[in-house]
Amino acid sequence: MVISVLESWNKKNFSSEKSFYSSDLLRKQEKHLLKNGVQDKSEMIWDVKVEGLNNFAIHKNKIAIEVSFIARFNCIYGDNNYLFGIATFDYRTFIKTEKTEEENRLNVIKDVQKWQFILEDGQLKADKFNLNF
């Protein structure tokens, strides 16, 4: 579910992933896409590999968990290509690059995010997550 939600950003349309999104998160993500369109911004995430799930907790009808993953991420503003990457000392940095598309695929992020899932319409769905990159 985590991989499907993260990789759905590439499609610019969440309709095929509706079964993974709570109605609240779907509304927030569509609002985010609209804002990206106004800013001529495009975000892509691919090759997502979940490395670990930690700090699992149940609160009433919600499940919270920390998800550790690595992925490739690219952010494009109009004709300018910006990448989020990992610096030598493992802190995120904002880098402007003139790399080719093939070279961009070499940029990898590693992140730990807090995710929240709820039961909606009889299905477990992602309700909240934080993007740290």
N, C-alpha and C. Protein backbone atom coordinates (compact mmCIF):
# COMPACT_ATOMS: atom_id res chain seq x y z
N MET A 1 0.83 -1.18 0.00
CA MET A 1 0.00 0.00 0.00
C MET A 1 0.88 1.25 0.00
N VAL A 2 1.94 1.26 0.81
CA VAL A 2 2.85 2.41 0.87
C VAL A 2 3.47 2.66 -0.49
N ILE A 3 3.95 1.62 -1.13
CA ILE A 3 4.57 1.75 -2.45
C ILE A 3 3.56 2.29 -3.46
N SER A 4 2.36 1.76 -3.47
CA SER A 4 1.32 2.22 -4.41
C SER A 4 0.99 3.69 -4.21
N VAL A 5 0.86 4.13 -2.96
CA VAL A 5 0.54 5.53 -2.68
C VAL A 5 1.68 6.43 -3.16
N LEU A 6 2.92 6.09 -2.82
CA LEU A 6 4.05 6.94 -3.21
C LEU A 6 4.24 6.99 -4.72
N GLU A 7 4.13 5.85 -5.38
CA GLU A 7 4.35 5.83 -6.83
C GLU A 7 3.17 6.41 -7.60
N SER A 8 2.01 6.57 -6.96
CA SER A 8 0.86 7.16 -7.65
C SER A 8 1.10 8.62 -7.98
N TRP A 9 2.05 9.28 -7.31
CA TRP A 9 2.37 10.67 -7.61
C TRP A 9 2.79 10.83 -9.07
N ASN A 10 3.40 9.82 -9.65
CA ASN A 10 3.90 9.89 -11.02
C ASN A 10 2.78 10.00 -12.03
N LYS A 11 1.60 9.53 -11.68
CA LYS A 11 0.49 9.48 -12.63
C LYS A 11 -0.27 10.79 -12.72
N LYS A 12 -0.08 11.68 -11.78
CA LYS A 12 -0.78 12.97 -11.74
C LYS A 12 -2.29 12.80 -11.63
N ASN A 13 -2.72 11.60 -11.28
CA ASN A 13 -4.14 11.30 -11.14
C ASN A 13 -4.26 10.11 -10.19
N PHE A 14 -5.02 10.28 -9.14
CA PHE A 14 -5.10 9.24 -8.12
C PHE A 14 -6.31 8.33 -8.27
N SER A 15 -7.05 8.47 -9.36
CA SER A 15 -8.30 7.71 -9.49
C SER A 15 -8.07 6.20 -9.47
N SER A 16 -6.98 5.71 -10.04
CA SER A 16 -6.75 4.26 -10.07
C SER A 16 -6.26 3.74 -8.72
N GLU A 17 -5.81 4.64 -7.83
CA GLU A 17 -5.33 4.24 -6.51
C GLU A 17 -6.33 4.59 -5.41
N LYS A 18 -7.55 4.91 -5.78
CA LYS A 18 -8.56 5.32 -4.81
C LYS A 18 -8.71 4.30 -3.68
N SER A 19 -8.53 3.04 -3.97
CA SER A 19 -8.72 2.01 -2.95
C SER A 19 -7.65 2.07 -1.87
N PHE A 20 -6.55 2.78 -2.11
CA PHE A 20 -5.48 2.92 -1.12
C PHE A 20 -5.58 4.19 -0.30
N TYR A 21 -6.34 5.18 -0.77
CA TYR A 21 -6.44 6.50 -0.16
C TYR A 21 -7.74 6.65 0.63
N SER A 22 -7.65 7.21 1.83
CA SER A 22 -8.87 7.61 2.52
C SER A 22 -9.43 8.81 1.75
N SER A 23 -10.69 9.12 1.93
CA SER A 23 -11.28 10.25 1.20
C SER A 23 -10.58 11.55 1.58
N ASP A 24 -10.17 11.70 2.85
CA ASP A 24 -9.49 12.92 3.30
C ASP A 24 -8.11 13.05 2.64
N LEU A 25 -7.34 11.96 2.62
CA LEU A 25 -6.01 12.02 2.01
C LEU A 25 -6.12 12.22 0.50
N LEU A 26 -7.10 11.61 -0.14
CA LEU A 26 -7.30 11.79 -1.57
C LEU A 26 -7.57 13.26 -1.90
N ARG A 27 -8.39 13.91 -1.09
CA ARG A 27 -8.69 15.33 -1.28
C ARG A 27 -7.42 16.17 -1.12
N LYS A 28 -6.61 15.87 -0.11
CA LYS A 28 -5.37 16.62 0.12
C LYS A 28 -4.37 16.41 -1.02
N GLN A 29 -4.26 15.19 -1.51
CA GLN A 29 -3.32 14.90 -2.59
C GLN A 29 -3.74 15.60 -3.88
N GLU A 30 -5.04 15.59 -4.17
CA GLU A 30 -5.52 16.27 -5.38
C GLU A 30 -5.29 17.78 -5.27
N LYS A 31 -5.45 18.34 -4.08
CA LYS A 31 -5.16 19.76 -3.85
C LYS A 31 -3.67 20.04 -4.08
N HIS A 32 -2.82 19.13 -3.63
CA HIS A 32 -1.38 19.26 -3.82
C HIS A 32 -1.04 19.25 -5.32
N LEU A 33 -1.66 18.36 -6.08
CA LEU A 33 -1.42 18.29 -7.53
C LEU A 33 -1.86 19.57 -8.22
N LEU A 34 -2.98 20.13 -7.79
CA LEU A 34 -3.47 21.38 -8.36
C LEU A 34 -2.46 22.50 -8.10
N LYS A 35 -1.94 22.57 -6.88
CA LYS A 35 -0.92 23.57 -6.54
C LYS A 35 0.33 23.38 -7.38
N ASN A 36 0.75 22.12 -7.58
CA ASN A 36 1.91 21.84 -8.43
C ASN A 36 1.68 22.34 -9.85
N GLY A 37 0.45 22.16 -10.36
CA GLY A 37 0.14 22.60 -11.71
C GLY A 37 0.25 24.11 -11.84
N VAL A 38 -0.21 24.83 -10.84
CA VAL A 38 -0.14 26.29 -10.84
C VAL A 38 1.33 26.74 -10.82
N GLN A 39 2.17 26.01 -10.09
CA GLN A 39 3.59 26.36 -9.97
C GLN A 39 4.44 25.76 -11.10
N ASP A 40 3.81 25.06 -12.04
CA ASP A 40 4.53 24.36 -13.11
C ASP A 40 5.59 23.43 -12.51
N LYS A 41 5.16 22.67 -11.52
CA LYS A 41 6.04 21.78 -10.78
C LYS A 41 5.60 20.34 -10.99
N SER A 42 6.55 19.46 -11.13
CA SER A 42 6.26 18.05 -11.30
C SER A 42 7.16 17.25 -10.37
N GLU A 43 6.56 16.33 -9.62
CA GLU A 43 7.32 15.46 -8.71
C GLU A 43 7.17 14.02 -9.15
N MET A 44 8.25 13.30 -9.10
CA MET A 44 8.21 11.87 -9.46
C MET A 44 8.96 11.09 -8.40
N ILE A 45 8.42 9.94 -8.04
CA ILE A 45 9.09 9.03 -7.13
C ILE A 45 8.93 7.63 -7.71
N TRP A 46 10.00 6.87 -7.73
CA TRP A 46 9.94 5.53 -8.31
C TRP A 46 10.98 4.64 -7.64
N ASP A 47 10.96 3.37 -7.97
CA ASP A 47 11.85 2.37 -7.37
C ASP A 47 11.78 2.39 -5.84
N VAL A 48 10.57 2.49 -5.30
CA VAL A 48 10.37 2.54 -3.85
C VAL A 48 10.60 1.15 -3.28
N LYS A 49 11.45 1.07 -2.27
CA LYS A 49 11.70 -0.19 -1.57
C LYS A 49 11.55 0.05 -0.07
N VAL A 50 10.54 -0.58 0.52
CA VAL A 50 10.32 -0.44 1.96
C VAL A 50 11.38 -1.27 2.68
N GLU A 51 12.13 -0.62 3.57
CA GLU A 51 13.19 -1.30 4.31
C GLU A 51 12.74 -1.78 5.68
N GLY A 52 11.77 -1.08 6.27
CA GLY A 52 11.34 -1.49 7.60
C GLY A 52 10.08 -0.79 8.04
N LEU A 53 9.39 -1.44 8.96
CA LEU A 53 8.18 -0.90 9.59
C LEU A 53 8.43 -0.93 11.09
N ASN A 54 8.31 0.22 11.75
CA ASN A 54 8.62 0.31 13.17
C ASN A 54 7.54 1.07 13.92
N ASN A 55 7.56 0.93 15.25
CA ASN A 55 6.69 1.68 16.15
C ASN A 55 5.21 1.57 15.77
N PHE A 56 4.77 0.36 15.54
CA PHE A 56 3.37 0.07 15.22
C PHE A 56 2.50 0.38 16.44
N ALA A 57 1.42 1.14 16.22
CA ALA A 57 0.51 1.48 17.31
C ALA A 57 -0.92 1.54 16.80
N ILE A 58 -1.86 1.10 17.63
CA ILE A 58 -3.28 1.17 17.30
C ILE A 58 -3.93 2.16 18.26
N HIS A 59 -4.66 3.13 17.69
CA HIS A 59 -5.39 4.13 18.46
C HIS A 59 -6.82 4.15 17.95
N LYS A 60 -7.74 3.62 18.72
CA LYS A 60 -9.15 3.52 18.34
C LYS A 60 -9.26 2.84 16.98
N ASN A 61 -9.69 3.56 15.93
CA ASN A 61 -9.85 2.94 14.61
C ASN A 61 -8.70 3.30 13.67
N LYS A 62 -7.56 3.73 14.24
CA LYS A 62 -6.42 4.14 13.42
C LYS A 62 -5.19 3.32 13.75
N ILE A 63 -4.38 3.09 12.74
CA ILE A 63 -3.09 2.41 12.90
C ILE A 63 -2.00 3.38 12.51
N ALA A 64 -1.02 3.56 13.37
CA ALA A 64 0.13 4.42 13.08
C ALA A 64 1.38 3.55 12.99
N ILE A 65 2.25 3.90 12.06
CA ILE A 65 3.47 3.12 11.88
C ILE A 65 4.54 4.00 11.22
N GLU A 66 5.79 3.76 11.55
CA GLU A 66 6.89 4.45 10.89
C GLU A 66 7.37 3.56 9.75
N VAL A 67 7.48 4.13 8.57
CA VAL A 67 7.91 3.40 7.38
C VAL A 67 9.28 3.93 6.95
N SER A 68 10.23 3.03 6.88
CA SER A 68 11.58 3.36 6.41
C SER A 68 11.71 2.84 4.98
N PHE A 69 12.13 3.71 4.05
CA PHE A 69 12.24 3.27 2.67
C PHE A 69 13.35 4.03 1.94
N ILE A 70 13.73 3.49 0.81
CA ILE A 70 14.61 4.19 -0.12
C ILE A 70 13.87 4.27 -1.45
N ALA A 71 14.14 5.33 -2.20
CA ALA A 71 13.46 5.53 -3.48
C ALA A 71 14.27 6.52 -4.31
N ARG A 72 13.86 6.67 -5.52
CA ARG A 72 14.42 7.70 -6.39
C ARG A 72 13.37 8.80 -6.51
N PHE A 73 13.79 10.06 -6.40
CA PHE A 73 12.87 11.19 -6.40
C PHE A 73 13.40 12.29 -7.29
N ASN A 74 12.51 12.90 -8.06
CA ASN A 74 12.88 13.98 -8.97
C ASN A 74 11.81 15.05 -8.89
N CYS A 75 12.22 16.30 -8.83
CA CYS A 75 11.30 17.42 -8.79
C CYS A 75 11.67 18.38 -9.91
N ILE A 76 10.73 18.68 -10.80
CA ILE A 76 11.00 19.54 -11.95
C ILE A 76 10.12 20.78 -11.88
N TYR A 77 10.74 21.95 -11.97
CA TYR A 77 10.03 23.23 -12.04
C TYR A 77 10.15 23.73 -13.47
N GLY A 78 9.09 23.64 -14.24
CA GLY A 78 9.13 24.09 -15.63
C GLY A 78 10.26 23.40 -16.37
N ASP A 79 11.18 24.19 -16.92
CA ASP A 79 12.31 23.63 -17.64
C ASP A 79 13.51 23.37 -16.73
N ASN A 80 13.43 23.78 -15.46
CA ASN A 80 14.54 23.60 -14.54
C ASN A 80 14.39 22.29 -13.79
N ASN A 81 15.44 21.53 -13.72
CA ASN A 81 15.41 20.23 -13.09
C ASN A 81 16.13 20.31 -11.75
N TYR A 82 15.40 20.02 -10.66
CA TYR A 82 15.98 20.02 -9.32
C TYR A 82 15.85 18.62 -8.75
N LEU A 83 16.85 18.21 -8.02
CA LEU A 83 16.82 16.88 -7.42
C LEU A 83 17.04 16.99 -5.93
N PHE A 84 16.34 16.15 -5.19
CA PHE A 84 16.65 15.98 -3.78
C PHE A 84 17.53 14.75 -3.69
N GLY A 85 18.66 14.88 -3.08
CA GLY A 85 19.55 13.75 -2.95
C GLY A 85 20.07 13.64 -1.53
N ILE A 86 20.91 12.69 -1.30
CA ILE A 86 21.51 12.50 0.01
C ILE A 86 22.97 12.93 -0.07
N ALA A 87 23.37 13.83 0.79
CA ALA A 87 24.75 14.30 0.83
C ALA A 87 25.59 13.31 1.62
N THR A 88 26.89 13.51 1.59
CA THR A 88 27.83 12.59 2.22
C THR A 88 27.51 12.36 3.69
N PHE A 89 27.10 13.40 4.40
CA PHE A 89 26.84 13.26 5.83
C PHE A 89 25.38 12.92 6.11
N ASP A 90 24.68 12.42 5.13
CA ASP A 90 23.32 11.91 5.26
C ASP A 90 22.30 12.98 5.65
N TYR A 91 22.44 14.19 5.12
CA TYR A 91 21.39 15.18 5.28
C TYR A 91 20.90 15.55 3.87
N ARG A 92 19.64 15.92 3.78
CA ARG A 92 19.07 16.25 2.48
C ARG A 92 19.57 17.61 2.00
N THR A 93 19.76 17.70 0.72
CA THR A 93 20.23 18.94 0.14
C THR A 93 19.46 19.22 -1.14
N PHE A 94 19.33 20.45 -1.51
CA PHE A 94 18.59 20.86 -2.70
C PHE A 94 19.62 21.19 -3.77
N ILE A 95 19.65 20.45 -4.84
CA ILE A 95 20.69 20.58 -5.85
C ILE A 95 20.08 20.92 -7.20
N LYS A 96 20.55 21.97 -7.85
CA LYS A 96 20.14 22.25 -9.22
C LYS A 96 21.09 21.46 -10.11
N THR A 97 20.53 20.81 -11.09
CA THR A 97 21.36 19.95 -11.92
C THR A 97 21.01 20.11 -13.39
N GLU A 98 21.97 19.89 -14.22
CA GLU A 98 21.76 19.88 -15.67
C GLU A 98 21.94 18.45 -16.19
N LYS A 99 21.74 17.46 -15.34
CA LYS A 99 21.96 16.07 -15.71
C LYS A 99 20.92 15.59 -16.72
N THR A 100 21.29 14.57 -17.45
CA THR A 100 20.35 13.94 -18.36
C THR A 100 19.35 13.12 -17.57
N GLU A 101 18.27 12.71 -18.22
CA GLU A 101 17.26 11.92 -17.54
C GLU A 101 17.85 10.63 -16.99
N GLU A 102 18.76 10.02 -17.73
CA GLU A 102 19.38 8.77 -17.26
C GLU A 102 20.22 9.02 -16.01
N GLU A 103 20.95 10.12 -15.98
CA GLU A 103 21.75 10.45 -14.80
C GLU A 103 20.86 10.75 -13.59
N ASN A 104 19.70 11.34 -13.83
CA ASN A 104 18.78 11.65 -12.74
C ASN A 104 18.31 10.40 -12.01
N ARG A 105 18.22 9.31 -12.70
CA ARG A 105 17.76 8.06 -12.10
C ARG A 105 18.74 7.53 -11.05
N LEU A 106 19.93 8.09 -11.00
CA LEU A 106 20.91 7.65 -10.03
C LEU A 106 20.73 8.29 -8.66
N ASN A 107 19.86 9.30 -8.54
CA ASN A 107 19.66 10.01 -7.28
C ASN A 107 18.68 9.26 -6.39
N VAL A 108 19.13 8.93 -5.20
CA VAL A 108 18.37 8.11 -4.29
C VAL A 108 18.13 8.88 -2.99
N ILE A 109 16.92 8.75 -2.46
CA ILE A 109 16.62 9.31 -1.15
C ILE A 109 16.38 8.16 -0.18
N LYS A 110 16.64 8.40 1.06
CA LYS A 110 16.34 7.46 2.13
C LYS A 110 15.55 8.24 3.16
N ASP A 111 14.41 7.70 3.58
CA ASP A 111 13.54 8.47 4.45
C ASP A 111 12.82 7.56 5.44
N VAL A 112 12.41 8.16 6.56
CA VAL A 112 11.53 7.50 7.52
C VAL A 112 10.33 8.43 7.69
N GLN A 113 9.15 7.90 7.45
CA GLN A 113 7.94 8.69 7.51
C GLN A 113 6.95 8.06 8.48
N LYS A 114 6.15 8.91 9.11
CA LYS A 114 5.04 8.42 9.93
C LYS A 114 3.81 8.31 9.05
N TRP A 115 3.21 7.14 9.04
CA TRP A 115 2.01 6.89 8.26
C TRP A 115 0.87 6.55 9.21
N GLN A 116 -0.35 6.92 8.80
CA GLN A 116 -1.54 6.57 9.55
C GLN A 116 -2.54 5.93 8.59
N PHE A 117 -3.11 4.83 9.01
CA PHE A 117 -4.10 4.11 8.21
C PHE A 117 -5.40 4.06 9.00
N ILE A 118 -6.52 4.06 8.27
CA ILE A 118 -7.83 3.94 8.89
C ILE A 118 -8.65 2.90 8.14
N LEU A 119 -9.69 2.44 8.78
CA LEU A 119 -10.64 1.55 8.14
C LEU A 119 -11.76 2.41 7.58
N GLU A 120 -11.92 2.42 6.25
CA GLU A 120 -12.94 3.23 5.59
C GLU A 120 -13.60 2.38 4.50
N ASP A 121 -14.89 2.37 4.49
CA ASP A 121 -15.65 1.56 3.52
C ASP A 121 -15.25 0.08 3.58
N GLY A 122 -14.92 -0.38 4.79
CA GLY A 122 -14.55 -1.78 4.97
C GLY A 122 -13.14 -2.14 4.52
N GLN A 123 -12.33 -1.14 4.14
CA GLN A 123 -10.97 -1.40 3.68
C GLN A 123 -9.98 -0.56 4.47
N LEU A 124 -8.78 -1.10 4.67
CA LEU A 124 -7.70 -0.35 5.28
C LEU A 124 -7.13 0.60 4.23
N LYS A 125 -7.05 1.90 4.58
CA LYS A 125 -6.59 2.91 3.63
C LYS A 125 -5.60 3.85 4.29
N ALA A 126 -4.66 4.37 3.50
CA ALA A 126 -3.72 5.38 3.98
C ALA A 126 -4.50 6.66 4.25
N ASP A 127 -4.30 7.26 5.43
CA ASP A 127 -5.02 8.46 5.79
C ASP A 127 -4.10 9.67 5.93
N LYS A 128 -2.88 9.46 6.38
CA LYS A 128 -1.92 10.56 6.54
C LYS A 128 -0.51 10.00 6.38
N PHE A 129 0.36 10.82 5.84
CA PHE A 129 1.78 10.52 5.86
C PHE A 129 2.52 11.82 5.67
N ASN A 130 3.73 11.88 6.15
CA ASN A 130 4.50 13.10 6.01
C ASN A 130 5.61 12.91 4.99
N LEU A 131 5.76 13.87 4.12
CA LEU A 131 6.85 13.85 3.15
C LEU A 131 7.99 14.67 3.73
N ASN A 132 9.11 14.03 3.91
CA ASN A 132 10.27 14.71 4.48
C ASN A 132 11.24 15.19 3.42
N PHE A 133 10.97 14.86 2.17
CA PHE A 133 11.91 15.27 1.11
C PHE A 133 11.32 16.32 0.23
